[in-house]
Structure formats: structure tokens, C-alpha cells
Amino acid sequence: VKRGFNDREALRTGLKLLKDGHVFGLFPEGTRSKTGELGKGLSGAGFFALRSTAAVVPCAIIGPYRSFRKLKVVYGQPIDLEEMRKEKASAEQVTELIMSKIEKLKKEHQ
């Protein structure tokens, strides 16, 4: 039986990966959208962005998720979070910024 992560372990593991220079991808909404529409981002995305110095690269997946169907994946420019880190922005504020960048990518490339 494979042991699952609890939330605290997942946060520690994610931060360690980023600290060690690895790429760490996540769906800010907590899961992928089955319809292709953006949902509300959860604060975890902002948490990792604020607690690390890693570059945050927004990514939009265009189109509904269906098996064996093509999707369009678009990457944006890294988001400069230095000012938000200095201002001690909340994880929710940073997540909102990340989601706005994803929404912009989605609108530009649909």
C-alpha cells in the first residue's frame, strides 16, 4: 500500500523541491477543469510563490479535458513577484494575480 501525503507533508515536499531547483507544477484550482473553464484559485499556489524564490510561469490549458482529444497548452512570461514579496502580500493576493495571468493567456489563445 502506497502511503499518501497529508497537506503538511505535501507543502514541505513542494518547498524542498523548489529550494533544490526542481520544477514543481500544480493546478492552482486544486484539480484540472473538466469543462475548460477556470475556477477559483486556491491559496496554495500563492503560498509556494511567496515561500520560495522560484519563478512562477503561468500556463493555460485551452479546451475541455476529454480522453484522446488534443489540447492547446500555452505558457506565459514568468510573473515578477518581487514587489509582492516585499509588501508581504497574502497567498490569496498572489494566487489572484497568478489566476489573472492564466485567464489572460486563455483569452489571448482561444
N, C-alpha and C. Protein backbone atom coordinates (compact mmCIF):
# COMPACT_ATOMS: atom_id res chain seq x y z
N VAL A 1 0.85 -1.18 0.00
CA VAL A 1 0.00 0.00 0.00
C VAL A 1 0.89 1.23 0.00
N LYS A 2 0.65 2.10 -0.95
CA LYS A 2 1.42 3.33 -1.05
C LYS A 2 0.87 4.38 -0.09
N ARG A 3 1.74 4.98 0.66
CA ARG A 3 1.34 5.97 1.65
C ARG A 3 1.10 7.32 0.96
N GLY A 4 -0.02 7.95 1.24
CA GLY A 4 -0.34 9.25 0.66
C GLY A 4 0.24 10.39 1.49
N PHE A 5 0.27 11.56 0.90
CA PHE A 5 0.75 12.75 1.60
C PHE A 5 -0.40 13.40 2.34
N ASN A 6 -0.11 13.94 3.52
CA ASN A 6 -1.09 14.82 4.12
C ASN A 6 -0.71 16.24 3.67
N ASP A 7 -1.54 17.21 3.97
CA ASP A 7 -1.31 18.56 3.48
C ASP A 7 0.04 19.13 3.91
N ARG A 8 0.39 18.95 5.16
CA ARG A 8 1.65 19.50 5.68
C ARG A 8 2.85 18.87 4.99
N GLU A 9 2.81 17.56 4.80
CA GLU A 9 3.90 16.87 4.10
C GLU A 9 4.01 17.34 2.65
N ALA A 10 2.87 17.53 2.01
CA ALA A 10 2.86 17.99 0.63
C ALA A 10 3.48 19.39 0.52
N LEU A 11 3.16 20.27 1.45
CA LEU A 11 3.74 21.62 1.44
C LEU A 11 5.26 21.56 1.64
N ARG A 12 5.70 20.76 2.60
CA ARG A 12 7.14 20.62 2.86
C ARG A 12 7.86 20.06 1.64
N THR A 13 7.27 19.04 1.04
CA THR A 13 7.90 18.41 -0.13
C THR A 13 7.97 19.39 -1.29
N GLY A 14 6.89 20.12 -1.54
CA GLY A 14 6.89 21.12 -2.62
C GLY A 14 7.94 22.19 -2.41
N LEU A 15 8.03 22.72 -1.20
CA LEU A 15 9.03 23.75 -0.90
C LEU A 15 10.45 23.22 -1.05
N LYS A 16 10.68 21.97 -0.64
CA LYS A 16 12.01 21.38 -0.78
C LYS A 16 12.37 21.22 -2.26
N LEU A 17 11.43 20.76 -3.05
CA LEU A 17 11.68 20.63 -4.50
C LEU A 17 12.09 21.98 -5.10
N LEU A 18 11.36 23.03 -4.74
CA LEU A 18 11.68 24.36 -5.27
C LEU A 18 13.04 24.85 -4.77
N LYS A 19 13.30 24.64 -3.49
CA LYS A 19 14.59 25.05 -2.92
C LYS A 19 15.75 24.36 -3.61
N ASP A 20 15.54 23.09 -3.98
CA ASP A 20 16.59 22.31 -4.64
C ASP A 20 16.68 22.59 -6.14
N GLY A 21 15.88 23.55 -6.63
CA GLY A 21 15.97 23.95 -8.03
C GLY A 21 15.17 23.11 -9.01
N HIS A 22 14.27 22.29 -8.49
CA HIS A 22 13.44 21.46 -9.36
C HIS A 22 12.21 22.23 -9.82
N VAL A 23 11.61 21.75 -10.89
CA VAL A 23 10.35 22.31 -11.38
C VAL A 23 9.21 21.66 -10.61
N PHE A 24 8.25 22.46 -10.24
CA PHE A 24 7.10 21.98 -9.48
C PHE A 24 5.85 22.57 -10.13
N GLY A 25 5.03 21.74 -10.71
CA GLY A 25 3.82 22.22 -11.36
C GLY A 25 2.59 21.87 -10.54
N LEU A 26 1.62 22.76 -10.56
CA LEU A 26 0.37 22.48 -9.86
C LEU A 26 -0.78 23.17 -10.56
N PHE A 27 -1.96 22.67 -10.33
CA PHE A 27 -3.17 23.31 -10.81
C PHE A 27 -3.66 24.22 -9.68
N PRO A 28 -3.60 25.55 -9.86
CA PRO A 28 -3.99 26.45 -8.77
C PRO A 28 -5.40 26.22 -8.25
N GLU A 29 -6.26 25.64 -9.08
CA GLU A 29 -7.63 25.39 -8.66
C GLU A 29 -7.75 24.11 -7.82
N GLY A 30 -6.64 23.37 -7.71
CA GLY A 30 -6.64 22.15 -6.93
C GLY A 30 -6.85 20.90 -7.77
N THR A 31 -7.31 21.08 -8.99
CA THR A 31 -7.55 19.98 -9.93
C THR A 31 -7.65 20.58 -11.32
N ARG A 32 -7.65 19.74 -12.31
CA ARG A 32 -7.85 20.28 -13.65
C ARG A 32 -9.35 20.44 -13.89
N SER A 33 -9.68 21.38 -14.73
CA SER A 33 -11.08 21.63 -15.05
C SER A 33 -11.54 20.65 -16.11
N LYS A 34 -12.66 20.03 -15.90
CA LYS A 34 -13.23 19.09 -16.88
C LYS A 34 -13.88 19.84 -18.04
N THR A 35 -14.30 21.09 -17.82
CA THR A 35 -15.02 21.86 -18.84
C THR A 35 -14.12 22.82 -19.61
N GLY A 36 -12.93 23.08 -19.11
CA GLY A 36 -12.06 24.06 -19.74
C GLY A 36 -12.23 25.46 -19.18
N GLU A 37 -13.21 25.65 -18.32
CA GLU A 37 -13.43 26.96 -17.69
C GLU A 37 -12.58 27.07 -16.43
N LEU A 38 -12.06 28.27 -16.19
CA LEU A 38 -11.27 28.48 -14.99
C LEU A 38 -12.16 28.55 -13.75
N GLY A 39 -11.68 27.95 -12.69
CA GLY A 39 -12.35 28.05 -11.41
C GLY A 39 -11.58 29.02 -10.53
N LYS A 40 -11.94 29.10 -9.28
CA LYS A 40 -11.23 29.96 -8.33
C LYS A 40 -9.93 29.28 -7.91
N GLY A 41 -8.86 30.04 -7.92
CA GLY A 41 -7.57 29.51 -7.47
C GLY A 41 -7.54 29.38 -5.96
N LEU A 42 -6.88 28.33 -5.49
CA LEU A 42 -6.71 28.12 -4.06
C LEU A 42 -5.41 28.78 -3.60
N SER A 43 -5.30 29.08 -2.35
CA SER A 43 -4.16 29.85 -1.84
C SER A 43 -2.84 29.09 -1.89
N GLY A 44 -2.86 27.78 -2.15
CA GLY A 44 -1.62 27.00 -2.22
C GLY A 44 -0.65 27.52 -3.26
N ALA A 45 -1.16 27.96 -4.40
CA ALA A 45 -0.29 28.49 -5.45
C ALA A 45 0.46 29.73 -4.94
N GLY A 46 -0.26 30.62 -4.28
CA GLY A 46 0.36 31.81 -3.71
C GLY A 46 1.33 31.48 -2.60
N PHE A 47 1.00 30.48 -1.80
CA PHE A 47 1.87 30.04 -0.72
C PHE A 47 3.24 29.64 -1.26
N PHE A 48 3.26 28.75 -2.27
CA PHE A 48 4.53 28.31 -2.85
C PHE A 48 5.28 29.47 -3.49
N ALA A 49 4.55 30.36 -4.16
CA ALA A 49 5.18 31.51 -4.81
C ALA A 49 5.85 32.43 -3.80
N LEU A 50 5.21 32.65 -2.67
CA LEU A 50 5.75 33.55 -1.66
C LEU A 50 6.84 32.92 -0.81
N ARG A 51 6.74 31.64 -0.54
CA ARG A 51 7.67 30.97 0.36
C ARG A 51 8.93 30.47 -0.34
N SER A 52 9.03 30.71 -1.64
CA SER A 52 10.21 30.30 -2.39
C SER A 52 10.66 31.48 -3.25
N THR A 53 11.78 31.33 -3.87
CA THR A 53 12.25 32.34 -4.82
C THR A 53 12.10 31.83 -6.25
N ALA A 54 11.34 30.77 -6.42
CA ALA A 54 11.16 30.16 -7.73
C ALA A 54 10.40 31.09 -8.67
N ALA A 55 10.71 30.98 -9.95
CA ALA A 55 9.95 31.71 -10.96
C ALA A 55 8.57 31.06 -11.09
N VAL A 56 7.55 31.88 -11.22
CA VAL A 56 6.20 31.39 -11.44
C VAL A 56 5.86 31.64 -12.90
N VAL A 57 5.63 30.56 -13.64
CA VAL A 57 5.31 30.65 -15.06
C VAL A 57 3.86 30.22 -15.24
N PRO A 58 2.98 31.17 -15.62
CA PRO A 58 1.59 30.80 -15.81
C PRO A 58 1.43 29.90 -17.04
N CYS A 59 0.48 29.00 -16.96
CA CYS A 59 0.22 28.05 -18.04
C CYS A 59 -1.29 27.90 -18.18
N ALA A 60 -1.77 28.01 -19.41
CA ALA A 60 -3.19 27.82 -19.67
C ALA A 60 -3.37 26.59 -20.55
N ILE A 61 -4.31 25.77 -20.19
CA ILE A 61 -4.68 24.62 -21.00
C ILE A 61 -6.00 24.97 -21.66
N ILE A 62 -5.98 25.08 -22.97
CA ILE A 62 -7.14 25.55 -23.72
C ILE A 62 -7.94 24.34 -24.21
N GLY A 63 -9.22 24.32 -23.89
CA GLY A 63 -10.11 23.26 -24.34
C GLY A 63 -10.51 22.35 -23.21
N PRO A 64 -11.66 21.69 -23.35
CA PRO A 64 -12.13 20.77 -22.31
C PRO A 64 -11.30 19.49 -22.30
N TYR A 65 -11.16 18.92 -21.13
CA TYR A 65 -10.41 17.67 -20.99
C TYR A 65 -11.29 16.51 -21.41
N ARG A 66 -10.86 15.82 -22.44
CA ARG A 66 -11.53 14.60 -22.88
C ARG A 66 -10.44 13.65 -23.35
N SER A 67 -10.60 12.40 -23.04
CA SER A 67 -9.61 11.40 -23.44
C SER A 67 -9.39 11.42 -24.94
N PHE A 68 -8.14 11.34 -25.32
CA PHE A 68 -7.72 11.25 -26.72
C PHE A 68 -8.08 12.46 -27.57
N ARG A 69 -8.32 13.61 -26.94
CA ARG A 69 -8.59 14.86 -27.66
C ARG A 69 -7.39 15.77 -27.49
N LYS A 70 -7.11 16.54 -28.52
CA LYS A 70 -5.99 17.47 -28.45
C LYS A 70 -6.36 18.66 -27.58
N LEU A 71 -5.37 19.13 -26.84
CA LEU A 71 -5.49 20.34 -26.04
C LEU A 71 -4.38 21.28 -26.47
N LYS A 72 -4.60 22.56 -26.27
CA LYS A 72 -3.57 23.55 -26.54
C LYS A 72 -3.02 24.00 -25.18
N VAL A 73 -1.70 23.94 -25.03
CA VAL A 73 -1.04 24.35 -23.80
C VAL A 73 -0.20 25.57 -24.10
N VAL A 74 -0.44 26.66 -23.36
CA VAL A 74 0.23 27.93 -23.61
C VAL A 74 0.93 28.38 -22.32
N TYR A 75 2.19 28.76 -22.45
CA TYR A 75 2.96 29.27 -21.31
C TYR A 75 3.15 30.77 -21.47
N GLY A 76 3.02 31.49 -20.37
CA GLY A 76 3.24 32.93 -20.37
C GLY A 76 4.63 33.27 -19.86
N GLN A 77 4.89 34.54 -19.77
CA GLN A 77 6.15 35.04 -19.22
C GLN A 77 6.15 34.82 -17.71
N PRO A 78 7.32 34.60 -17.12
CA PRO A 78 7.38 34.48 -15.65
C PRO A 78 6.78 35.72 -14.99
N ILE A 79 6.10 35.52 -13.89
CA ILE A 79 5.47 36.61 -13.15
C ILE A 79 6.46 37.17 -12.15
N ASP A 80 6.68 38.47 -12.19
CA ASP A 80 7.59 39.12 -11.24
C ASP A 80 6.85 39.33 -9.92
N LEU A 81 7.25 38.61 -8.92
CA LEU A 81 6.58 38.68 -7.61
C LEU A 81 7.42 39.40 -6.56
N GLU A 82 8.53 39.96 -6.97
CA GLU A 82 9.45 40.58 -6.00
C GLU A 82 8.75 41.67 -5.18
N GLU A 83 7.99 42.52 -5.84
CA GLU A 83 7.30 43.60 -5.13
C GLU A 83 6.26 43.04 -4.15
N MET A 84 5.54 42.03 -4.57
CA MET A 84 4.53 41.43 -3.68
C MET A 84 5.20 40.76 -2.48
N ARG A 85 6.38 40.16 -2.71
CA ARG A 85 7.11 39.54 -1.59
C ARG A 85 7.55 40.62 -0.61
N LYS A 86 8.05 41.75 -1.14
CA LYS A 86 8.49 42.85 -0.27
C LYS A 86 7.33 43.42 0.53
N GLU A 87 6.16 43.52 -0.11
CA GLU A 87 4.99 44.10 0.54
C GLU A 87 4.28 43.10 1.47
N LYS A 88 4.82 41.88 1.56
CA LYS A 88 4.23 40.84 2.39
C LYS A 88 2.78 40.57 1.99
N ALA A 89 2.56 40.44 0.68
CA ALA A 89 1.22 40.14 0.16
C ALA A 89 0.76 38.79 0.69
N SER A 90 -0.52 38.61 0.72
CA SER A 90 -1.08 37.33 1.19
C SER A 90 -1.01 36.29 0.07
N ALA A 91 -1.08 35.04 0.47
CA ALA A 91 -1.10 33.95 -0.51
C ALA A 91 -2.32 34.09 -1.43
N GLU A 92 -3.43 34.56 -0.90
CA GLU A 92 -4.64 34.75 -1.71
C GLU A 92 -4.42 35.82 -2.76
N GLN A 93 -3.76 36.93 -2.41
CA GLN A 93 -3.49 38.00 -3.37
C GLN A 93 -2.60 37.51 -4.51
N VAL A 94 -1.58 36.75 -4.16
CA VAL A 94 -0.66 36.23 -5.17
C VAL A 94 -1.38 35.22 -6.07
N THR A 95 -2.21 34.38 -5.47
CA THR A 95 -2.98 33.43 -6.27
C THR A 95 -3.90 34.17 -7.24
N GLU A 96 -4.52 35.24 -6.80
CA GLU A 96 -5.39 36.03 -7.68
C GLU A 96 -4.61 36.58 -8.86
N LEU A 97 -3.38 37.05 -8.61
CA LEU A 97 -2.54 37.55 -9.69
C LEU A 97 -2.19 36.43 -10.67
N ILE A 98 -1.81 35.28 -10.15
CA ILE A 98 -1.48 34.13 -10.99
C ILE A 98 -2.69 33.75 -11.85
N MET A 99 -3.85 33.68 -11.23
CA MET A 99 -5.06 33.29 -11.97
C MET A 99 -5.42 34.33 -13.02
N SER A 100 -5.18 35.62 -12.74
CA SER A 100 -5.47 36.65 -13.75
C SER A 100 -4.55 36.50 -14.95
N LYS A 101 -3.31 36.10 -14.72
CA LYS A 101 -2.36 35.87 -15.83
C LYS A 101 -2.79 34.65 -16.65
N ILE A 102 -3.27 33.61 -15.98
CA ILE A 102 -3.76 32.42 -16.68
C ILE A 102 -4.99 32.77 -17.51
N GLU A 103 -5.90 33.54 -16.92
CA GLU A 103 -7.11 33.97 -17.64
C GLU A 103 -6.75 34.78 -18.88
N LYS A 104 -5.78 35.66 -18.75
CA LYS A 104 -5.34 36.48 -19.89
C LYS A 104 -4.78 35.58 -21.00
N LEU A 105 -3.94 34.63 -20.63
CA LEU A 105 -3.40 33.69 -21.62
C LEU A 105 -4.52 32.94 -22.32
N LYS A 106 -5.47 32.49 -21.53
CA LYS A 106 -6.60 31.72 -22.08
C LYS A 106 -7.37 32.55 -23.10
N LYS A 107 -7.67 33.80 -22.76
CA LYS A 107 -8.42 34.68 -23.67
C LYS A 107 -7.63 35.00 -24.93
N GLU A 108 -6.32 35.17 -24.80
CA GLU A 108 -5.49 35.51 -25.96
C GLU A 108 -5.34 34.35 -26.94
N HIS A 109 -5.45 33.12 -26.44
CA HIS A 109 -5.12 31.95 -27.27
C HIS A 109 -6.29 31.03 -27.58
N GLN A 110 -7.49 31.41 -27.23
CA GLN A 110 -8.65 30.55 -27.55
C GLN A 110 -9.01 30.67 -29.00
